[in-house]
Amino acid sequence: MLSPLHIAPIRAAPYRDSRFSPAAFTLIELLVVITIIGALLALSGAGLSGAMGGMAITNAGNKVSQLCDGARQRAMTGNVLTAVVIVTNAGTNEDGRAMAVFEYPPGGPAWKQFTEWNILPDGITVDVNNNSYGSFVHNSTPLPFFAPGSVKYHDNPLTANQFAARVFVPSGGLLESNAASQMQVVDGTTSSNTTTYTKVLNGKPVNFYRITILGATGKTKIERPELP
């Protein structure tokens, strides 16, 4: 005998107004989220910009210190006088940024260029201002046996007041080793024998790469700021 067919009652689904659904975002909530995301992006962008700037100074400073180390090594292995030469006041766009190693071979008769000119990136320069960190420039050693026209930039002879130089002797140390030899690579530009800093705090550059050449040995010491 067949059992009677059981039909379950049909229940209507409860009505839910999507305007009050917990999963829905209100316009105000969306605006808050967008504002927070924008603030986070701004903070991360500022941090990234600072990190990139610090990296650029580091790379430029490394190039300068390696050039000094190379000049010292060449003086020792070649038994010659060498000089790191920096264009400082030649009226070019590369003032404070162009540098090369020159050497004076035994018997001369003149200084000759040993490396190509190395150019620091735009916006980065060796500080040529007369301060406690510019003794490389302002204690510049006159090149022994210097003859006019022996140092050229873009085929133009440089006079002694258009460049700065420090000379390495075959023992590895500096000529006139008692004279301080320090320079700093900074964010900024050099023109008319003056460096203008891009970022300044209490009159000093915020970001720098300082190089000290020890007179007795010719070795370099590096100093960098603690950037936030």
N, C-alpha and C. Protein backbone atom coordinates (compact mmCIF):
# COMPACT_ATOMS: atom_id res chain seq x y z
N MET A 1 0.86 -1.18 0.00
CA MET A 1 0.00 0.00 0.00
C MET A 1 0.89 1.22 0.00
N LEU A 2 0.62 2.13 -0.93
CA LEU A 2 1.46 3.31 -1.07
C LEU A 2 1.21 4.28 0.07
N SER A 3 2.36 4.87 0.57
CA SER A 3 2.20 5.88 1.62
C SER A 3 1.78 7.19 1.00
N PRO A 4 1.08 7.97 1.72
CA PRO A 4 0.64 9.24 1.14
C PRO A 4 1.83 10.13 0.83
N LEU A 5 1.76 10.85 -0.28
CA LEU A 5 2.84 11.74 -0.72
C LEU A 5 2.96 12.91 0.25
N HIS A 6 4.24 13.10 0.74
CA HIS A 6 4.46 14.21 1.69
C HIS A 6 5.04 15.39 0.94
N ILE A 7 4.39 16.47 0.97
CA ILE A 7 4.86 17.69 0.29
C ILE A 7 5.26 18.69 1.36
N ALA A 8 6.59 19.07 1.32
CA ALA A 8 7.08 20.04 2.30
C ALA A 8 6.54 21.41 1.97
N PRO A 9 6.23 22.15 2.96
CA PRO A 9 5.72 23.50 2.71
C PRO A 9 6.82 24.39 2.13
N ILE A 10 6.47 25.25 1.24
CA ILE A 10 7.42 26.18 0.61
C ILE A 10 7.51 27.42 1.46
N ARG A 11 8.80 27.72 1.89
CA ARG A 11 9.00 28.91 2.72
C ARG A 11 9.62 30.02 1.85
N ALA A 12 9.10 31.14 1.93
CA ALA A 12 9.65 32.28 1.17
C ALA A 12 10.97 32.72 1.80
N ALA A 13 11.95 33.03 0.94
CA ALA A 13 13.24 33.52 1.43
C ALA A 13 13.05 34.87 2.09
N PRO A 14 13.76 35.06 3.20
CA PRO A 14 13.60 36.34 3.89
C PRO A 14 14.09 37.49 3.02
N TYR A 15 13.45 38.60 3.09
CA TYR A 15 13.81 39.76 2.29
C TYR A 15 15.01 40.46 2.93
N ARG A 16 16.03 40.73 2.12
CA ARG A 16 17.20 41.46 2.61
C ARG A 16 17.42 42.69 1.74
N ASP A 17 17.44 43.79 2.34
CA ASP A 17 17.72 45.04 1.62
C ASP A 17 19.23 45.18 1.50
N SER A 18 19.75 45.17 0.27
CA SER A 18 21.21 45.21 0.06
C SER A 18 21.83 46.47 0.64
N ARG A 19 21.01 47.47 0.85
CA ARG A 19 21.56 48.71 1.42
C ARG A 19 22.06 48.50 2.84
N PHE A 20 21.55 47.46 3.49
CA PHE A 20 21.93 47.21 4.88
C PHE A 20 22.74 45.92 5.03
N SER A 21 23.24 45.38 3.90
CA SER A 21 24.01 44.14 3.95
C SER A 21 25.36 44.40 4.59
N PRO A 22 25.80 43.53 5.51
CA PRO A 22 27.10 43.74 6.15
C PRO A 22 28.25 43.69 5.16
N ALA A 23 28.07 43.01 4.01
CA ALA A 23 29.17 42.87 3.05
C ALA A 23 29.31 44.08 2.16
N ALA A 24 28.35 44.95 2.18
CA ALA A 24 28.38 46.09 1.28
C ALA A 24 29.19 47.23 1.89
N PHE A 25 29.92 48.02 1.02
CA PHE A 25 30.67 49.19 1.46
C PHE A 25 29.82 50.43 1.22
N THR A 26 29.83 51.30 2.17
CA THR A 26 29.18 52.58 1.95
C THR A 26 30.16 53.50 1.23
N LEU A 27 29.67 54.57 0.70
CA LEU A 27 30.52 55.53 0.01
C LEU A 27 31.57 56.10 0.95
N ILE A 28 31.20 56.35 2.18
CA ILE A 28 32.15 56.90 3.16
C ILE A 28 33.28 55.91 3.42
N GLU A 29 32.91 54.61 3.56
CA GLU A 29 33.94 53.59 3.80
C GLU A 29 34.91 53.51 2.63
N LEU A 30 34.39 53.57 1.42
CA LEU A 30 35.25 53.53 0.24
C LEU A 30 36.21 54.71 0.21
N LEU A 31 35.70 55.89 0.55
CA LEU A 31 36.55 57.07 0.58
C LEU A 31 37.65 56.94 1.62
N VAL A 32 37.32 56.37 2.78
CA VAL A 32 38.33 56.16 3.82
C VAL A 32 39.42 55.22 3.34
N VAL A 33 39.01 54.11 2.70
CA VAL A 33 39.98 53.14 2.19
C VAL A 33 40.89 53.78 1.15
N ILE A 34 40.30 54.55 0.23
CA ILE A 34 41.09 55.21 -0.82
C ILE A 34 42.08 56.19 -0.20
N THR A 35 41.63 56.93 0.82
CA THR A 35 42.52 57.88 1.49
C THR A 35 43.70 57.19 2.15
N ILE A 36 43.43 56.07 2.82
CA ILE A 36 44.50 55.31 3.48
C ILE A 36 45.49 54.78 2.45
N ILE A 37 44.98 54.23 1.36
CA ILE A 37 45.87 53.71 0.31
C ILE A 37 46.73 54.83 -0.26
N GLY A 38 46.13 55.99 -0.49
CA GLY A 38 46.90 57.12 -1.02
C GLY A 38 48.01 57.56 -0.08
N ALA A 39 47.70 57.58 1.22
CA ALA A 39 48.71 57.97 2.21
C ALA A 39 49.86 56.98 2.24
N LEU A 40 49.53 55.69 2.18
CA LEU A 40 50.57 54.66 2.18
C LEU A 40 51.45 54.76 0.95
N LEU A 41 50.83 55.02 -0.20
CA LEU A 41 51.61 55.17 -1.43
C LEU A 41 52.53 56.38 -1.36
N ALA A 42 52.04 57.47 -0.78
CA ALA A 42 52.87 58.67 -0.65
C ALA A 42 54.07 58.42 0.24
N LEU A 43 53.82 57.73 1.37
CA LEU A 43 54.92 57.43 2.28
C LEU A 43 55.95 56.51 1.64
N SER A 44 55.47 55.49 0.95
CA SER A 44 56.40 54.56 0.32
C SER A 44 57.16 55.24 -0.80
N GLY A 45 56.50 56.17 -1.52
CA GLY A 45 57.17 56.89 -2.59
C GLY A 45 58.27 57.78 -2.06
N ALA A 46 58.01 58.47 -0.94
CA ALA A 46 59.04 59.32 -0.34
C ALA A 46 60.22 58.49 0.13
N GLY A 47 59.93 57.35 0.74
CA GLY A 47 61.01 56.48 1.19
C GLY A 47 61.83 55.94 0.04
N LEU A 48 61.15 55.58 -1.05
CA LEU A 48 61.85 55.06 -2.22
C LEU A 48 62.71 56.14 -2.85
N SER A 49 62.19 57.38 -2.90
CA SER A 49 62.96 58.48 -3.47
C SER A 49 64.23 58.73 -2.67
N GLY A 50 64.10 58.72 -1.33
CA GLY A 50 65.28 58.91 -0.49
C GLY A 50 66.29 57.80 -0.65
N ALA A 51 65.81 56.58 -0.75
CA ALA A 51 66.71 55.44 -0.93
C ALA A 51 67.45 55.52 -2.26
N MET A 52 66.73 55.91 -3.32
CA MET A 52 67.36 56.02 -4.63
C MET A 52 68.41 57.13 -4.63
N GLY A 53 68.09 58.26 -3.95
CA GLY A 53 69.06 59.34 -3.87
C GLY A 53 70.31 58.92 -3.12
N GLY A 54 70.12 58.20 -2.01
CA GLY A 54 71.27 57.71 -1.26
C GLY A 54 72.11 56.74 -2.07
N MET A 55 71.45 55.90 -2.87
CA MET A 55 72.17 54.94 -3.70
C MET A 55 72.98 55.65 -4.78
N ALA A 56 72.41 56.73 -5.35
CA ALA A 56 73.12 57.47 -6.40
C ALA A 56 74.38 58.11 -5.85
N ILE A 57 74.29 58.70 -4.66
CA ILE A 57 75.47 59.30 -4.03
C ILE A 57 76.51 58.22 -3.72
N THR A 58 76.06 57.08 -3.23
CA THR A 58 76.98 55.98 -2.92
C THR A 58 77.72 55.52 -4.17
N ASN A 59 77.00 55.34 -5.25
CA ASN A 59 77.64 54.88 -6.49
C ASN A 59 78.64 55.91 -7.00
N ALA A 60 78.28 57.19 -6.94
CA ALA A 60 79.19 58.24 -7.40
C ALA A 60 80.42 58.32 -6.50
N GLY A 61 80.21 58.26 -5.19
CA GLY A 61 81.34 58.30 -4.27
C GLY A 61 82.26 57.12 -4.44
N ASN A 62 81.68 55.94 -4.68
CA ASN A 62 82.50 54.76 -4.93
C ASN A 62 83.39 54.96 -6.15
N LYS A 63 82.83 55.59 -7.18
CA LYS A 63 83.61 55.84 -8.40
C LYS A 63 84.81 56.73 -8.10
N VAL A 64 84.60 57.78 -7.29
CA VAL A 64 85.69 58.69 -6.95
C VAL A 64 86.75 57.99 -6.11
N SER A 65 86.32 57.25 -5.09
CA SER A 65 87.30 56.57 -4.23
C SER A 65 88.07 55.50 -5.00
N GLN A 66 87.40 54.81 -5.92
CA GLN A 66 88.09 53.81 -6.73
C GLN A 66 89.11 54.46 -7.67
N LEU A 67 88.80 55.67 -8.15
CA LEU A 67 89.75 56.39 -8.99
C LEU A 67 91.00 56.75 -8.18
N CYS A 68 90.80 57.18 -6.93
CA CYS A 68 91.94 57.49 -6.06
C CYS A 68 92.76 56.23 -5.78
N ASP A 69 92.08 55.13 -5.48
CA ASP A 69 92.79 53.87 -5.23
C ASP A 69 93.56 53.42 -6.46
N GLY A 70 92.96 53.62 -7.64
CA GLY A 70 93.63 53.23 -8.88
C GLY A 70 94.86 54.07 -9.15
N ALA A 71 94.79 55.37 -8.83
CA ALA A 71 95.95 56.25 -9.02
C ALA A 71 97.09 55.83 -8.09
N ARG A 72 96.76 55.50 -6.87
CA ARG A 72 97.78 55.04 -5.91
C ARG A 72 98.43 53.75 -6.41
N GLN A 73 97.60 52.81 -6.86
CA GLN A 73 98.12 51.53 -7.33
C GLN A 73 99.03 51.73 -8.54
N ARG A 74 98.63 52.60 -9.45
CA ARG A 74 99.44 52.86 -10.65
C ARG A 74 100.79 53.47 -10.27
N ALA A 75 100.80 54.38 -9.30
CA ALA A 75 102.05 54.99 -8.86
C ALA A 75 103.01 53.94 -8.32
N MET A 76 102.48 52.97 -7.57
CA MET A 76 103.32 51.96 -6.95
C MET A 76 103.82 50.93 -7.97
N THR A 77 102.93 50.46 -8.81
CA THR A 77 103.32 49.40 -9.76
C THR A 77 104.14 49.95 -10.92
N GLY A 78 103.87 51.21 -11.30
CA GLY A 78 104.59 51.79 -12.43
C GLY A 78 105.80 52.60 -12.04
N ASN A 79 106.00 52.79 -10.71
CA ASN A 79 107.11 53.60 -10.22
C ASN A 79 107.09 54.99 -10.86
N VAL A 80 105.90 55.58 -10.85
CA VAL A 80 105.72 56.89 -11.48
C VAL A 80 104.95 57.80 -10.53
N LEU A 81 104.93 59.08 -10.84
CA LEU A 81 104.03 60.01 -10.17
C LEU A 81 102.68 59.94 -10.85
N THR A 82 101.62 59.90 -10.07
CA THR A 82 100.27 59.96 -10.64
C THR A 82 99.50 61.06 -9.92
N ALA A 83 98.42 61.51 -10.55
CA ALA A 83 97.60 62.56 -9.94
C ALA A 83 96.14 62.32 -10.27
N VAL A 84 95.30 62.49 -9.26
CA VAL A 84 93.85 62.54 -9.50
C VAL A 84 93.51 64.00 -9.78
N VAL A 85 92.97 64.26 -10.96
CA VAL A 85 92.67 65.62 -11.40
C VAL A 85 91.16 65.79 -11.48
N ILE A 86 90.63 66.85 -10.86
CA ILE A 86 89.20 67.16 -10.89
C ILE A 86 89.02 68.54 -11.52
N VAL A 87 88.21 68.62 -12.55
CA VAL A 87 87.89 69.91 -13.17
C VAL A 87 86.98 70.67 -12.20
N THR A 88 87.41 71.87 -11.79
CA THR A 88 86.67 72.61 -10.77
C THR A 88 86.10 73.93 -11.25
N ASN A 89 86.80 74.60 -12.17
CA ASN A 89 86.38 75.96 -12.53
C ASN A 89 86.75 76.27 -13.97
N ALA A 90 86.30 75.41 -14.88
CA ALA A 90 86.64 75.59 -16.30
C ALA A 90 85.47 76.16 -17.10
N GLY A 91 84.37 76.47 -16.43
CA GLY A 91 83.22 77.03 -17.13
C GLY A 91 82.47 76.02 -17.97
N THR A 92 82.52 74.74 -17.57
CA THR A 92 81.82 73.69 -18.31
C THR A 92 80.67 73.15 -17.47
N ASN A 93 79.79 72.40 -18.11
CA ASN A 93 78.69 71.76 -17.38
C ASN A 93 79.19 70.63 -16.49
N GLU A 94 80.46 70.22 -16.69
CA GLU A 94 81.01 69.12 -15.91
C GLU A 94 81.92 69.59 -14.78
N ASP A 95 81.95 70.90 -14.51
CA ASP A 95 82.75 71.38 -13.38
C ASP A 95 82.30 70.66 -12.11
N GLY A 96 83.27 70.14 -11.36
CA GLY A 96 82.97 69.39 -10.15
C GLY A 96 82.57 67.96 -10.41
N ARG A 97 82.42 67.59 -11.68
CA ARG A 97 81.94 66.25 -12.02
C ARG A 97 82.93 65.45 -12.86
N ALA A 98 83.87 66.12 -13.51
CA ALA A 98 84.81 65.44 -14.40
C ALA A 98 86.14 65.20 -13.68
N MET A 99 86.63 63.96 -13.75
CA MET A 99 87.90 63.64 -13.08
C MET A 99 88.61 62.52 -13.84
N ALA A 100 89.93 62.53 -13.73
CA ALA A 100 90.73 61.53 -14.43
C ALA A 100 92.06 61.38 -13.70
N VAL A 101 92.77 60.31 -14.03
CA VAL A 101 94.12 60.08 -13.49
C VAL A 101 95.13 60.46 -14.57
N PHE A 102 96.13 61.25 -14.16
CA PHE A 102 97.25 61.60 -15.03
C PHE A 102 98.52 61.00 -14.42
N GLU A 103 99.53 60.83 -15.24
CA GLU A 103 100.80 60.33 -14.72
C GLU A 103 101.97 61.08 -15.35
N TYR A 104 103.07 61.09 -14.60
CA TYR A 104 104.30 61.69 -15.11
C TYR A 104 105.32 60.57 -15.22
N PRO A 105 105.54 60.06 -16.42
CA PRO A 105 106.46 58.93 -16.57
C PRO A 105 107.90 59.33 -16.27
N PRO A 106 108.74 58.38 -15.90
CA PRO A 106 110.14 58.71 -15.61
C PRO A 106 110.78 59.47 -16.76
N GLY A 107 111.34 60.60 -16.46
CA GLY A 107 111.99 61.39 -17.50
C GLY A 107 111.05 62.31 -18.25
N GLY A 108 109.76 62.20 -17.97
CA GLY A 108 108.80 63.10 -18.60
C GLY A 108 108.61 62.85 -20.09
N PRO A 109 108.50 63.86 -20.89
CA PRO A 109 108.78 65.26 -20.54
C PRO A 109 107.57 66.01 -20.00
N ALA A 110 106.38 65.38 -19.95
CA ALA A 110 105.18 66.10 -19.49
C ALA A 110 104.18 65.11 -18.90
N TRP A 111 103.23 65.65 -18.18
CA TRP A 111 102.14 64.83 -17.68
C TRP A 111 101.28 64.36 -18.84
N LYS A 112 100.80 63.12 -18.72
CA LYS A 112 99.90 62.60 -19.76
C LYS A 112 98.71 61.92 -19.09
N GLN A 113 97.61 61.90 -19.81
CA GLN A 113 96.38 61.32 -19.27
C GLN A 113 96.47 59.81 -19.27
N PHE A 114 96.14 59.20 -18.11
CA PHE A 114 96.24 57.75 -17.97
C PHE A 114 94.88 57.07 -18.07
N THR A 115 93.82 57.71 -17.58
CA THR A 115 92.46 57.16 -17.69
C THR A 115 91.60 58.14 -18.48
N GLU A 116 90.46 57.64 -18.94
CA GLU A 116 89.50 58.53 -19.56
C GLU A 116 88.87 59.42 -18.49
N TRP A 117 88.22 60.47 -18.93
CA TRP A 117 87.52 61.32 -17.98
C TRP A 117 86.28 60.59 -17.46
N ASN A 118 86.15 60.55 -16.15
CA ASN A 118 84.97 59.97 -15.51
C ASN A 118 84.04 61.11 -15.12
N ILE A 119 82.77 61.01 -15.51
CA ILE A 119 81.80 62.08 -15.26
C ILE A 119 80.76 61.60 -14.26
N LEU A 120 80.60 62.34 -13.18
CA LEU A 120 79.55 62.01 -12.21
C LEU A 120 78.18 62.35 -12.81
N PRO A 121 77.12 61.68 -12.36
CA PRO A 121 75.78 61.94 -12.91
C PRO A 121 75.33 63.39 -12.68
N ASP A 122 74.41 63.85 -13.52
CA ASP A 122 73.81 65.17 -13.32
C ASP A 122 73.23 65.26 -11.91
N GLY A 123 73.43 66.41 -11.27
CA GLY A 123 72.88 66.61 -9.94
C GLY A 123 73.75 66.10 -8.82
N ILE A 124 74.92 65.54 -9.15
CA ILE A 124 75.88 65.07 -8.15
C ILE A 124 77.23 65.68 -8.49
N THR A 125 77.93 66.19 -7.48
CA THR A 125 79.18 66.90 -7.73
C THR A 125 80.14 66.73 -6.56
N VAL A 126 81.41 66.92 -6.84
CA VAL A 126 82.40 67.08 -5.77
C VAL A 126 82.24 68.49 -5.23
N ASP A 127 82.19 68.62 -3.93
CA ASP A 127 82.02 69.92 -3.27
C ASP A 127 83.32 70.73 -3.42
N VAL A 128 83.23 71.88 -4.10
CA VAL A 128 84.43 72.71 -4.28
C VAL A 128 84.44 73.90 -3.34
N ASN A 129 83.43 74.01 -2.46
CA ASN A 129 83.40 75.12 -1.51
C ASN A 129 84.56 75.02 -0.53
N ASN A 130 84.97 76.18 -0.03
CA ASN A 130 86.10 76.22 0.89
C ASN A 130 85.60 75.93 2.30
N ASN A 131 85.50 74.64 2.63
CA ASN A 131 85.06 74.24 3.97
C ASN A 131 85.98 73.14 4.48
N SER A 132 85.67 72.64 5.67
CA SER A 132 86.56 71.66 6.29
C SER A 132 86.60 70.34 5.54
N TYR A 133 85.64 70.13 4.62
CA TYR A 133 85.62 68.88 3.87
C TYR A 133 86.09 69.07 2.43
N GLY A 134 86.68 70.21 2.13
CA GLY A 134 87.12 70.48 0.76
C GLY A 134 88.62 70.66 0.64
N SER A 135 89.38 70.05 1.55
CA SER A 135 90.83 70.26 1.53
C SER A 135 91.50 69.66 0.31
N PHE A 136 90.91 68.63 -0.31
CA PHE A 136 91.47 68.10 -1.56
C PHE A 136 91.57 69.22 -2.58
N VAL A 137 90.49 70.00 -2.68
CA VAL A 137 90.45 71.08 -3.67
C VAL A 137 91.31 72.26 -3.23
N HIS A 138 91.20 72.66 -1.97
CA HIS A 138 91.84 73.90 -1.53
C HIS A 138 93.26 73.69 -1.02
N ASN A 139 93.69 72.44 -0.88
CA ASN A 139 95.11 72.14 -0.66
C ASN A 139 95.70 71.50 -1.91
N SER A 140 95.08 71.80 -3.03
CA SER A 140 95.51 71.19 -4.30
C SER A 140 97.01 71.35 -4.50
N THR A 141 97.66 70.25 -4.84
CA THR A 141 99.11 70.25 -5.03
C THR A 141 99.45 70.66 -6.46
N PRO A 142 100.29 71.68 -6.63
CA PRO A 142 100.73 71.99 -8.00
C PRO A 142 101.44 70.78 -8.60
N LEU A 143 101.09 70.44 -9.82
CA LEU A 143 101.71 69.27 -10.44
C LEU A 143 103.19 69.55 -10.68
N PRO A 144 104.09 68.72 -10.14
CA PRO A 144 105.51 68.91 -10.42
C PRO A 144 105.78 68.84 -11.92
N PHE A 145 106.66 69.68 -12.38
CA PHE A 145 107.04 69.70 -13.80
C PHE A 145 105.83 70.03 -14.69
N PHE A 146 104.85 70.74 -14.12
CA PHE A 146 103.64 71.04 -14.89
C PHE A 146 103.97 71.99 -16.03
N ALA A 147 103.56 71.61 -17.21
CA ALA A 147 103.75 72.46 -18.38
C ALA A 147 102.38 72.87 -18.91
N PRO A 148 102.20 74.16 -19.23
CA PRO A 148 100.91 74.60 -19.77
C PRO A 148 100.49 73.74 -20.97
N GLY A 149 99.24 73.33 -20.95
CA GLY A 149 98.73 72.52 -22.06
C GLY A 149 98.81 71.03 -21.84
N SER A 150 99.47 70.60 -20.76
CA SER A 150 99.62 69.16 -20.56
C SER A 150 98.36 68.52 -19.99
N VAL A 151 97.50 69.31 -19.35
CA VAL A 151 96.22 68.81 -18.87
C VAL A 151 95.13 69.47 -19.72
N LYS A 152 94.40 68.65 -20.46
CA LYS A 152 93.36 69.17 -21.35
C LYS A 152 92.02 68.53 -21.02
N TYR A 153 90.97 69.31 -21.26
CA TYR A 153 89.61 68.78 -21.14
C TYR A 153 88.84 69.19 -22.39
N HIS A 154 88.29 68.20 -23.10
CA HIS A 154 87.65 68.45 -24.40
C HIS A 154 88.62 69.17 -25.34
N ASP A 155 89.88 68.73 -25.29
CA ASP A 155 90.94 69.29 -26.13
C ASP A 155 91.30 70.73 -25.77
N ASN A 156 90.75 71.25 -24.69
CA ASN A 156 91.08 72.61 -24.26
C ASN A 156 92.07 72.54 -23.10
N PRO A 157 93.23 73.18 -23.24
CA PRO A 157 94.20 73.17 -22.14
C PRO A 157 93.61 73.83 -20.89
N LEU A 158 93.87 73.23 -19.74
CA LEU A 158 93.41 73.78 -18.47
C LEU A 158 94.56 74.50 -17.78
N THR A 159 94.26 75.67 -17.22
CA THR A 159 95.25 76.36 -16.41
C THR A 159 95.19 75.81 -14.99
N ALA A 160 96.19 76.13 -14.20
CA ALA A 160 96.31 75.54 -12.87
C ALA A 160 95.13 75.90 -11.96
N ASN A 161 94.45 77.02 -12.21
CA ASN A 161 93.33 77.41 -11.34
C ASN A 161 92.00 76.86 -11.83
N GLN A 162 92.02 76.02 -12.86
CA GLN A 162 90.79 75.42 -13.38
C GLN A 162 90.60 73.97 -12.95
N PHE A 163 91.57 73.44 -12.24
CA PHE A 163 91.44 72.06 -11.76
C PHE A 163 92.13 71.92 -10.41
N ALA A 164 91.77 70.87 -9.70
CA ALA A 164 92.42 70.51 -8.44
C ALA A 164 93.07 69.15 -8.62
N ALA A 165 94.19 68.93 -7.94
CA ALA A 165 94.91 67.66 -8.09
C ALA A 165 95.64 67.31 -6.81
N ARG A 166 95.73 66.01 -6.54
CA ARG A 166 96.62 65.50 -5.50
C ARG A 166 97.49 64.43 -6.13
N VAL A 167 98.76 64.47 -5.77
CA VAL A 167 99.77 63.64 -6.43
C VAL A 167 100.18 62.47 -5.54
N PHE A 168 100.20 61.27 -6.12
CA PHE A 168 100.69 60.06 -5.45
C PHE A 168 102.12 59.80 -5.89
N VAL A 169 102.96 59.40 -4.93
CA VAL A 169 104.35 59.08 -5.22
C VAL A 169 104.50 57.56 -5.27
N PRO A 170 105.62 57.05 -5.81
CA PRO A 170 105.77 55.59 -5.99
C PRO A 170 105.64 54.76 -4.72
N SER A 171 105.84 55.37 -3.54
CA SER A 171 105.66 54.61 -2.30
C SER A 171 104.18 54.41 -1.96
N GLY A 172 103.30 55.10 -2.66
CA GLY A 172 101.87 54.98 -2.42
C GLY A 172 101.27 56.15 -1.68
N GLY A 173 102.09 56.91 -0.97
CA GLY A 173 101.59 58.06 -0.22
C GLY A 173 101.39 59.27 -1.11
N LEU A 174 101.01 60.37 -0.47
CA LEU A 174 100.79 61.61 -1.20
C LEU A 174 102.02 62.50 -1.17
N LEU A 175 102.25 63.19 -2.25
CA LEU A 175 103.21 64.28 -2.24
C LEU A 175 102.63 65.36 -1.32
N GLU A 176 103.50 66.00 -0.52
CA GLU A 176 103.02 66.92 0.51
C GLU A 176 102.03 66.19 1.43
N SER A 177 102.52 65.12 2.02
CA SER A 177 101.66 64.22 2.78
C SER A 177 101.07 64.84 4.04
N ASN A 178 101.66 65.94 4.52
CA ASN A 178 101.14 66.57 5.73
C ASN A 178 99.93 67.46 5.46
N ALA A 179 99.67 67.76 4.21
CA ALA A 179 98.51 68.59 3.86
C ALA A 179 97.26 67.73 3.81
N ALA A 180 96.21 68.16 4.52
CA ALA A 180 94.97 67.38 4.55
C ALA A 180 94.41 67.20 3.14
N SER A 181 93.81 66.05 2.92
CA SER A 181 93.23 65.76 1.60
C SER A 181 91.89 65.07 1.80
N GLN A 182 90.85 65.87 1.85
CA GLN A 182 89.50 65.34 2.04
C GLN A 182 88.56 66.01 1.05
N MET A 183 87.62 65.22 0.53
CA MET A 183 86.61 65.78 -0.35
C MET A 183 85.29 65.10 -0.05
N GLN A 184 84.20 65.75 -0.49
CA GLN A 184 82.89 65.13 -0.32
C GLN A 184 82.10 65.24 -1.62
N VAL A 185 81.42 64.15 -1.93
CA VAL A 185 80.51 64.09 -3.07
C VAL A 185 79.12 64.36 -2.53
N VAL A 186 78.39 65.29 -3.17
CA VAL A 186 77.11 65.74 -2.62
C VAL A 186 76.06 65.85 -3.72
N ASP A 187 74.79 65.96 -3.29
CA ASP A 187 73.71 66.34 -4.20
C ASP A 187 73.83 67.83 -4.46
N GLY A 188 73.99 68.22 -5.72
CA GLY A 188 74.10 69.64 -6.01
C GLY A 188 74.73 69.89 -7.36
N THR A 189 75.09 71.15 -7.59
CA THR A 189 75.72 71.55 -8.84
C THR A 189 76.89 72.48 -8.53
N THR A 190 77.86 72.52 -9.45
CA THR A 190 79.02 73.39 -9.30
C THR A 190 79.10 74.32 -10.49
N SER A 191 79.24 75.61 -10.21
CA SER A 191 79.38 76.62 -11.25
C SER A 191 80.14 77.80 -10.67
N SER A 192 81.02 78.40 -11.48
CA SER A 192 81.80 79.56 -11.04
C SER A 192 82.53 79.28 -9.74
N ASN A 193 83.07 78.08 -9.63
CA ASN A 193 83.88 77.67 -8.48
C ASN A 193 83.09 77.67 -7.17
N THR A 194 81.78 77.44 -7.28
CA THR A 194 80.92 77.37 -6.10
C THR A 194 79.96 76.19 -6.25
N THR A 195 79.80 75.43 -5.18
CA THR A 195 78.85 74.31 -5.18
C THR A 195 77.59 74.72 -4.45
N THR A 196 76.44 74.49 -5.10
CA THR A 196 75.14 74.75 -4.50
C THR A 196 74.50 73.41 -4.15
N TYR A 197 74.19 73.22 -2.87
CA TYR A 197 73.63 71.95 -2.41
C TYR A 197 72.13 71.87 -2.73
N THR A 198 71.68 70.68 -3.06
CA THR A 198 70.26 70.46 -3.33
C THR A 198 69.45 70.41 -2.05
N LYS A 199 69.94 69.67 -1.05
CA LYS A 199 69.26 69.55 0.24
C LYS A 199 70.23 69.98 1.33
N VAL A 200 69.79 70.93 2.16
CA VAL A 200 70.68 71.54 3.14
C VAL A 200 70.05 71.45 4.54
N LEU A 201 70.89 71.20 5.52
CA LEU A 201 70.48 71.24 6.92
C LEU A 201 71.57 71.98 7.70
N ASN A 202 71.21 73.12 8.29
CA ASN A 202 72.16 73.95 9.03
C ASN A 202 73.36 74.33 8.16
N GLY A 203 73.07 74.62 6.90
CA GLY A 203 74.12 75.08 6.00
C GLY A 203 74.99 73.99 5.42
N LYS A 204 74.70 72.73 5.76
CA LYS A 204 75.52 71.62 5.28
C LYS A 204 74.67 70.67 4.44
N PRO A 205 75.30 69.96 3.51
CA PRO A 205 74.52 69.01 2.69
C PRO A 205 73.98 67.87 3.54
N VAL A 206 72.73 67.50 3.26
CA VAL A 206 72.10 66.41 4.01
C VAL A 206 72.73 65.07 3.64
N ASN A 207 72.95 64.87 2.37
CA ASN A 207 73.49 63.60 1.88
C ASN A 207 74.90 63.84 1.34
N PHE A 208 75.84 63.03 1.75
CA PHE A 208 77.22 63.22 1.30
C PHE A 208 77.98 61.90 1.33
N TYR A 209 79.10 61.88 0.66
CA TYR A 209 80.02 60.74 0.65
C TYR A 209 81.40 61.36 0.80
N ARG A 210 81.97 61.26 1.98
CA ARG A 210 83.25 61.90 2.26
C ARG A 210 84.40 60.92 2.09
N ILE A 211 85.44 61.41 1.45
CA ILE A 211 86.62 60.59 1.18
C ILE A 211 87.83 61.30 1.77
N THR A 212 88.55 60.63 2.62
CA THR A 212 89.80 61.14 3.16
C THR A 212 90.94 60.30 2.61
N ILE A 213 91.93 60.96 2.01
CA ILE A 213 93.13 60.26 1.53
C ILE A 213 94.21 60.46 2.58
N LEU A 214 94.66 59.38 3.17
CA LEU A 214 95.69 59.45 4.21
C LEU A 214 97.03 59.78 3.57
N GLY A 215 97.64 60.86 4.04
CA GLY A 215 98.85 61.35 3.38
C GLY A 215 100.00 60.37 3.37
N ALA A 216 100.23 59.68 4.49
CA ALA A 216 101.39 58.80 4.60
C ALA A 216 101.28 57.56 3.72
N THR A 217 100.06 57.03 3.60
CA THR A 217 99.89 55.77 2.87
C THR A 217 99.14 55.92 1.55
N GLY A 218 98.38 56.99 1.41
CA GLY A 218 97.57 57.17 0.20
C GLY A 218 96.28 56.38 0.20
N LYS A 219 96.02 55.65 1.27
CA LYS A 219 94.78 54.87 1.34
C LYS A 219 93.59 55.78 1.64
N THR A 220 92.40 55.30 1.29
CA THR A 220 91.20 56.12 1.46
C THR A 220 90.34 55.63 2.63
N LYS A 221 89.70 56.59 3.28
CA LYS A 221 88.70 56.31 4.32
C LYS A 221 87.39 56.94 3.88
N ILE A 222 86.29 56.24 4.14
CA ILE A 222 84.97 56.68 3.68
C ILE A 222 84.08 57.02 4.87
N GLU A 223 83.30 58.09 4.74
CA GLU A 223 82.31 58.45 5.76
C GLU A 223 80.99 58.74 5.06
N ARG A 224 79.91 58.12 5.57
CA ARG A 224 78.57 58.34 5.04
C ARG A 224 77.63 58.72 6.18
N PRO A 225 76.62 59.56 5.91
CA PRO A 225 75.68 59.91 6.98
C PRO A 225 74.69 58.78 7.23
N GLU A 226 74.05 58.83 8.38
CA GLU A 226 72.97 57.90 8.67
C GLU A 226 71.67 58.54 8.20
N LEU A 227 71.21 58.12 7.02
CA LEU A 227 70.01 58.71 6.45
C LEU A 227 68.77 58.04 7.03
N PRO A 228 67.68 58.81 7.23
CA PRO A 228 66.46 58.21 7.76
C PRO A 228 65.85 57.25 6.77
